[in-house]
Structures are given as structure tokens and as C-alpha cells.
Amino acid sequence: MKGTYYDAYVMIDIYSRYIVGVHVHAHESGVLARELMERILSVHGIPQVVHADRGTSMTSKTVAALLADLDVTRSHSRPRVSNDNPYSEALFKP
């Protein structure tokens, strides 16, 4: 529908480039991002590092608390520097 936008949460394994999880929602939320991560990590295991963009949901206290509880290092792209997240950027290239 024209004028309707959705947010896609996508997690990929940067070594295999395998999409390990994806969800599409009508709005962005730290709670939704946390739920996605919990489901993915319960299936694929807990990584040492999670790299994400600087979107509101990925920098939320909710996601930060989950990763801290799991002893996972957080890594974020610098603001407005798409080269910091080349794996994700390449995935969505037209």
C-alpha cells in the first residue's frame, strides 16, 4: 500500500552470510528486537559479538541488557557510515 512502511529485523552470520532470522513489523521496537534475538540465539547459540546498525531498536536498553546478561560484546556502526556494516548493506543492494 502506498505510504505504508515496515521495519525489517534481519540477523545474518557474517562468515557464511546465512540469514539466521528475520521478522518484519509495522514499527521499530527494542522489545521486538530482543524477542527476535532471543529466538535466534536459542536455536543458533550465543555468539561472542553482535554487530548492528545504530537504529533505535538495536541501541535500546532492552537489547543492551539482553546482550550484557549473555556476556555478548556489542558492536555498532558509526553514525552515517554504511561501510561499517558491509555485510548487511550488501545483502540489501539492488
N, C-alpha and C. Protein backbone atom coordinates (compact mmCIF):
# COMPACT_ATOMS: atom_id res chain seq x y z
N MET A 1 0.84 -1.16 0.00
CA MET A 1 0.00 0.00 0.00
C MET A 1 0.90 1.24 0.00
N LYS A 2 0.57 2.21 -0.80
CA LYS A 2 1.37 3.42 -0.92
C LYS A 2 1.40 4.18 0.41
N GLY A 3 2.60 4.58 0.81
CA GLY A 3 2.76 5.35 2.05
C GLY A 3 2.86 4.50 3.30
N THR A 4 2.82 3.18 3.15
CA THR A 4 2.95 2.28 4.29
C THR A 4 4.37 1.73 4.32
N TYR A 5 5.00 1.81 5.47
CA TYR A 5 6.37 1.34 5.62
C TYR A 5 6.45 0.31 6.73
N TYR A 6 7.40 -0.59 6.59
CA TYR A 6 7.63 -1.63 7.58
C TYR A 6 9.10 -1.67 7.94
N ASP A 7 9.40 -2.17 9.11
CA ASP A 7 10.78 -2.34 9.55
C ASP A 7 11.13 -3.82 9.49
N ALA A 8 12.27 -4.12 8.89
CA ALA A 8 12.75 -5.50 8.81
C ALA A 8 13.90 -5.68 9.78
N TYR A 9 13.78 -6.67 10.62
CA TYR A 9 14.86 -7.07 11.52
C TYR A 9 15.50 -8.30 10.89
N VAL A 10 16.77 -8.20 10.54
CA VAL A 10 17.46 -9.30 9.87
C VAL A 10 18.77 -9.58 10.60
N MET A 11 19.00 -10.83 10.95
CA MET A 11 20.28 -11.24 11.53
C MET A 11 20.95 -12.21 10.58
N ILE A 12 22.22 -11.91 10.28
CA ILE A 12 22.98 -12.80 9.40
C ILE A 12 24.26 -13.24 10.10
N ASP A 13 24.72 -14.41 9.71
CA ASP A 13 26.03 -14.89 10.14
C ASP A 13 27.02 -14.34 9.13
N ILE A 14 27.94 -13.47 9.56
CA ILE A 14 28.81 -12.80 8.59
C ILE A 14 29.81 -13.74 7.93
N TYR A 15 30.06 -14.88 8.53
CA TYR A 15 31.02 -15.82 7.94
C TYR A 15 30.39 -16.62 6.81
N SER A 16 29.18 -17.11 7.03
CA SER A 16 28.50 -17.90 6.00
C SER A 16 27.56 -17.06 5.15
N ARG A 17 27.23 -15.87 5.63
CA ARG A 17 26.23 -14.97 5.01
C ARG A 17 24.84 -15.59 5.02
N TYR A 18 24.65 -16.55 5.88
CA TYR A 18 23.36 -17.21 6.07
C TYR A 18 22.46 -16.30 6.89
N ILE A 19 21.21 -16.14 6.45
CA ILE A 19 20.24 -15.37 7.23
C ILE A 19 19.73 -16.29 8.33
N VAL A 20 20.04 -15.95 9.57
CA VAL A 20 19.65 -16.81 10.70
C VAL A 20 18.29 -16.44 11.25
N GLY A 21 17.80 -15.26 10.92
CA GLY A 21 16.48 -14.86 11.39
C GLY A 21 16.03 -13.56 10.76
N VAL A 22 14.72 -13.46 10.57
CA VAL A 22 14.15 -12.24 10.01
C VAL A 22 12.71 -12.08 10.50
N HIS A 23 12.35 -10.86 10.81
CA HIS A 23 10.98 -10.51 11.17
C HIS A 23 10.68 -9.14 10.58
N VAL A 24 9.44 -8.95 10.17
CA VAL A 24 9.00 -7.66 9.64
C VAL A 24 7.87 -7.17 10.52
N HIS A 25 7.97 -5.90 10.92
CA HIS A 25 6.97 -5.31 11.81
C HIS A 25 6.56 -3.94 11.31
N ALA A 26 5.41 -3.49 11.76
CA ALA A 26 4.89 -2.19 11.36
C ALA A 26 5.59 -1.05 12.08
N HIS A 27 6.32 -1.36 13.13
CA HIS A 27 7.04 -0.31 13.86
C HIS A 27 8.33 -0.87 14.44
N GLU A 28 9.23 0.02 14.81
CA GLU A 28 10.53 -0.37 15.36
C GLU A 28 10.44 -0.37 16.88
N SER A 29 11.02 -1.38 17.51
CA SER A 29 10.92 -1.50 18.96
C SER A 29 12.08 -2.33 19.51
N GLY A 30 12.64 -1.89 20.61
CA GLY A 30 13.67 -2.65 21.29
C GLY A 30 13.14 -3.99 21.79
N VAL A 31 11.89 -4.01 22.21
CA VAL A 31 11.28 -5.25 22.70
C VAL A 31 11.18 -6.27 21.56
N LEU A 32 10.75 -5.82 20.38
CA LEU A 32 10.67 -6.73 19.22
C LEU A 32 12.04 -7.24 18.82
N ALA A 33 13.03 -6.36 18.86
CA ALA A 33 14.41 -6.76 18.52
C ALA A 33 14.92 -7.79 19.53
N ARG A 34 14.64 -7.57 20.80
CA ARG A 34 15.07 -8.52 21.83
C ARG A 34 14.41 -9.88 21.62
N GLU A 35 13.11 -9.88 21.33
CA GLU A 35 12.40 -11.14 21.11
C GLU A 35 13.00 -11.91 19.93
N LEU A 36 13.31 -11.20 18.85
CA LEU A 36 13.94 -11.84 17.70
C LEU A 36 15.29 -12.43 18.09
N MET A 37 16.10 -11.67 18.78
CA MET A 37 17.43 -12.16 19.20
C MET A 37 17.31 -13.37 20.11
N GLU A 38 16.38 -13.34 21.05
CA GLU A 38 16.20 -14.48 21.96
C GLU A 38 15.86 -15.74 21.18
N ARG A 39 14.95 -15.63 20.20
CA ARG A 39 14.57 -16.80 19.40
C ARG A 39 15.76 -17.31 18.59
N ILE A 40 16.47 -16.40 17.96
CA ILE A 40 17.61 -16.80 17.12
C ILE A 40 18.71 -17.43 17.96
N LEU A 41 19.04 -16.81 19.08
CA LEU A 41 20.12 -17.32 19.92
C LEU A 41 19.77 -18.66 20.56
N SER A 42 18.48 -18.90 20.80
CA SER A 42 18.08 -20.19 21.38
C SER A 42 18.27 -21.32 20.37
N VAL A 43 18.23 -21.00 19.08
CA VAL A 43 18.40 -22.01 18.03
C VAL A 43 19.86 -22.13 17.60
N HIS A 44 20.52 -21.00 17.40
CA HIS A 44 21.86 -20.98 16.81
C HIS A 44 23.00 -20.82 17.82
N GLY A 45 22.67 -20.61 19.07
CA GLY A 45 23.70 -20.43 20.08
C GLY A 45 24.06 -18.97 20.29
N ILE A 46 24.84 -18.73 21.31
CA ILE A 46 25.21 -17.37 21.70
C ILE A 46 26.56 -17.01 21.10
N PRO A 47 26.60 -15.94 20.30
CA PRO A 47 27.86 -15.53 19.69
C PRO A 47 28.71 -14.72 20.67
N GLN A 48 29.96 -14.50 20.31
CA GLN A 48 30.82 -13.66 21.14
C GLN A 48 30.53 -12.18 20.91
N VAL A 49 30.16 -11.83 19.67
CA VAL A 49 29.93 -10.44 19.29
C VAL A 49 28.66 -10.34 18.44
N VAL A 50 27.89 -9.28 18.67
CA VAL A 50 26.77 -8.94 17.79
C VAL A 50 27.04 -7.54 17.26
N HIS A 51 27.10 -7.43 15.92
CA HIS A 51 27.30 -6.12 15.29
C HIS A 51 25.97 -5.67 14.71
N ALA A 52 25.63 -4.41 14.96
CA ALA A 52 24.35 -3.89 14.48
C ALA A 52 24.49 -2.45 14.02
N ASP A 53 23.47 -2.01 13.29
CA ASP A 53 23.45 -0.61 12.91
C ASP A 53 23.08 0.22 14.15
N ARG A 54 22.91 1.50 13.98
CA ARG A 54 22.61 2.37 15.11
C ARG A 54 21.13 2.70 15.20
N GLY A 55 20.30 1.80 14.67
CA GLY A 55 18.85 2.01 14.75
C GLY A 55 18.38 2.03 16.20
N THR A 56 17.26 2.66 16.42
CA THR A 56 16.71 2.82 17.76
C THR A 56 16.57 1.50 18.50
N SER A 57 16.08 0.48 17.82
CA SER A 57 15.87 -0.80 18.48
C SER A 57 17.18 -1.50 18.84
N MET A 58 18.17 -1.38 17.97
CA MET A 58 19.45 -2.07 18.21
C MET A 58 20.31 -1.37 19.27
N THR A 59 20.05 -0.10 19.52
CA THR A 59 20.80 0.62 20.56
C THR A 59 19.97 0.77 21.83
N SER A 60 18.83 0.11 21.88
CA SER A 60 17.92 0.24 23.03
C SER A 60 18.50 -0.41 24.29
N LYS A 61 18.01 0.04 25.42
CA LYS A 61 18.43 -0.54 26.71
C LYS A 61 17.98 -1.99 26.80
N THR A 62 16.86 -2.31 26.17
CA THR A 62 16.33 -3.67 26.20
C THR A 62 17.30 -4.65 25.54
N VAL A 63 17.78 -4.31 24.36
CA VAL A 63 18.74 -5.17 23.65
C VAL A 63 20.08 -5.17 24.37
N ALA A 64 20.50 -4.00 24.86
CA ALA A 64 21.77 -3.91 25.58
C ALA A 64 21.76 -4.81 26.82
N ALA A 65 20.64 -4.83 27.54
CA ALA A 65 20.53 -5.66 28.74
C ALA A 65 20.61 -7.15 28.39
N LEU A 66 19.93 -7.55 27.33
CA LEU A 66 19.98 -8.95 26.91
C LEU A 66 21.41 -9.37 26.60
N LEU A 67 22.09 -8.58 25.78
CA LEU A 67 23.45 -8.94 25.38
C LEU A 67 24.41 -8.90 26.57
N ALA A 68 24.22 -7.97 27.48
CA ALA A 68 25.06 -7.91 28.68
C ALA A 68 24.83 -9.14 29.55
N ASP A 69 23.56 -9.54 29.71
CA ASP A 69 23.24 -10.73 30.50
C ASP A 69 23.87 -11.99 29.91
N LEU A 70 24.00 -12.02 28.59
CA LEU A 70 24.58 -13.18 27.90
C LEU A 70 26.08 -13.07 27.71
N ASP A 71 26.65 -11.96 28.19
CA ASP A 71 28.09 -11.69 28.06
C ASP A 71 28.53 -11.63 26.59
N VAL A 72 27.69 -11.00 25.77
CA VAL A 72 27.96 -10.81 24.35
C VAL A 72 28.45 -9.38 24.14
N THR A 73 29.54 -9.22 23.42
CA THR A 73 30.07 -7.89 23.12
C THR A 73 29.21 -7.24 22.04
N ARG A 74 28.82 -5.99 22.30
CA ARG A 74 28.05 -5.23 21.31
C ARG A 74 28.99 -4.41 20.45
N SER A 75 28.69 -4.35 19.17
CA SER A 75 29.45 -3.54 18.22
C SER A 75 28.43 -2.80 17.37
N HIS A 76 28.65 -1.50 17.18
CA HIS A 76 27.72 -0.70 16.37
C HIS A 76 28.47 0.07 15.30
N SER A 77 27.80 0.25 14.19
CA SER A 77 28.34 1.08 13.12
C SER A 77 28.45 2.52 13.60
N ARG A 78 29.39 3.24 13.02
CA ARG A 78 29.46 4.67 13.31
C ARG A 78 28.29 5.36 12.62
N PRO A 79 27.82 6.47 13.18
CA PRO A 79 26.70 7.17 12.55
C PRO A 79 27.00 7.55 11.10
N ARG A 80 26.06 7.24 10.23
CA ARG A 80 26.11 7.60 8.80
C ARG A 80 27.32 7.04 8.06
N VAL A 81 27.84 5.89 8.50
CA VAL A 81 28.97 5.25 7.82
C VAL A 81 28.54 3.83 7.42
N SER A 82 27.99 3.70 6.22
CA SER A 82 27.46 2.40 5.79
C SER A 82 28.57 1.36 5.62
N ASN A 83 29.80 1.81 5.41
CA ASN A 83 30.92 0.86 5.25
C ASN A 83 31.23 0.10 6.53
N ASP A 84 30.72 0.55 7.66
CA ASP A 84 30.92 -0.16 8.92
C ASP A 84 30.07 -1.42 9.01
N ASN A 85 29.11 -1.56 8.14
CA ASN A 85 28.21 -2.71 8.16
C ASN A 85 28.08 -3.28 6.74
N PRO A 86 29.20 -3.63 6.10
CA PRO A 86 29.15 -4.01 4.68
C PRO A 86 28.37 -5.29 4.40
N TYR A 87 28.33 -6.22 5.34
CA TYR A 87 27.64 -7.48 5.11
C TYR A 87 26.14 -7.26 4.98
N SER A 88 25.61 -6.44 5.87
CA SER A 88 24.19 -6.13 5.81
C SER A 88 23.87 -5.25 4.61
N GLU A 89 24.69 -4.25 4.37
CA GLU A 89 24.47 -3.35 3.24
C GLU A 89 24.48 -4.12 1.92
N ALA A 90 25.41 -5.05 1.76
CA ALA A 90 25.50 -5.84 0.52
C ALA A 90 24.28 -6.74 0.34
N LEU A 91 23.72 -7.20 1.45
CA LEU A 91 22.56 -8.08 1.39
C LEU A 91 21.35 -7.37 0.77
N PHE A 92 21.23 -6.07 1.00
CA PHE A 92 20.07 -5.32 0.54
C PHE A 92 20.34 -4.48 -0.70
N LYS A 93 21.48 -4.69 -1.32
CA LYS A 93 21.83 -3.94 -2.52
C LYS A 93 20.92 -4.37 -3.68
N PRO A 94 20.43 -3.40 -4.46
CA PRO A 94 19.55 -3.78 -5.59
C PRO A 94 20.31 -4.47 -6.70
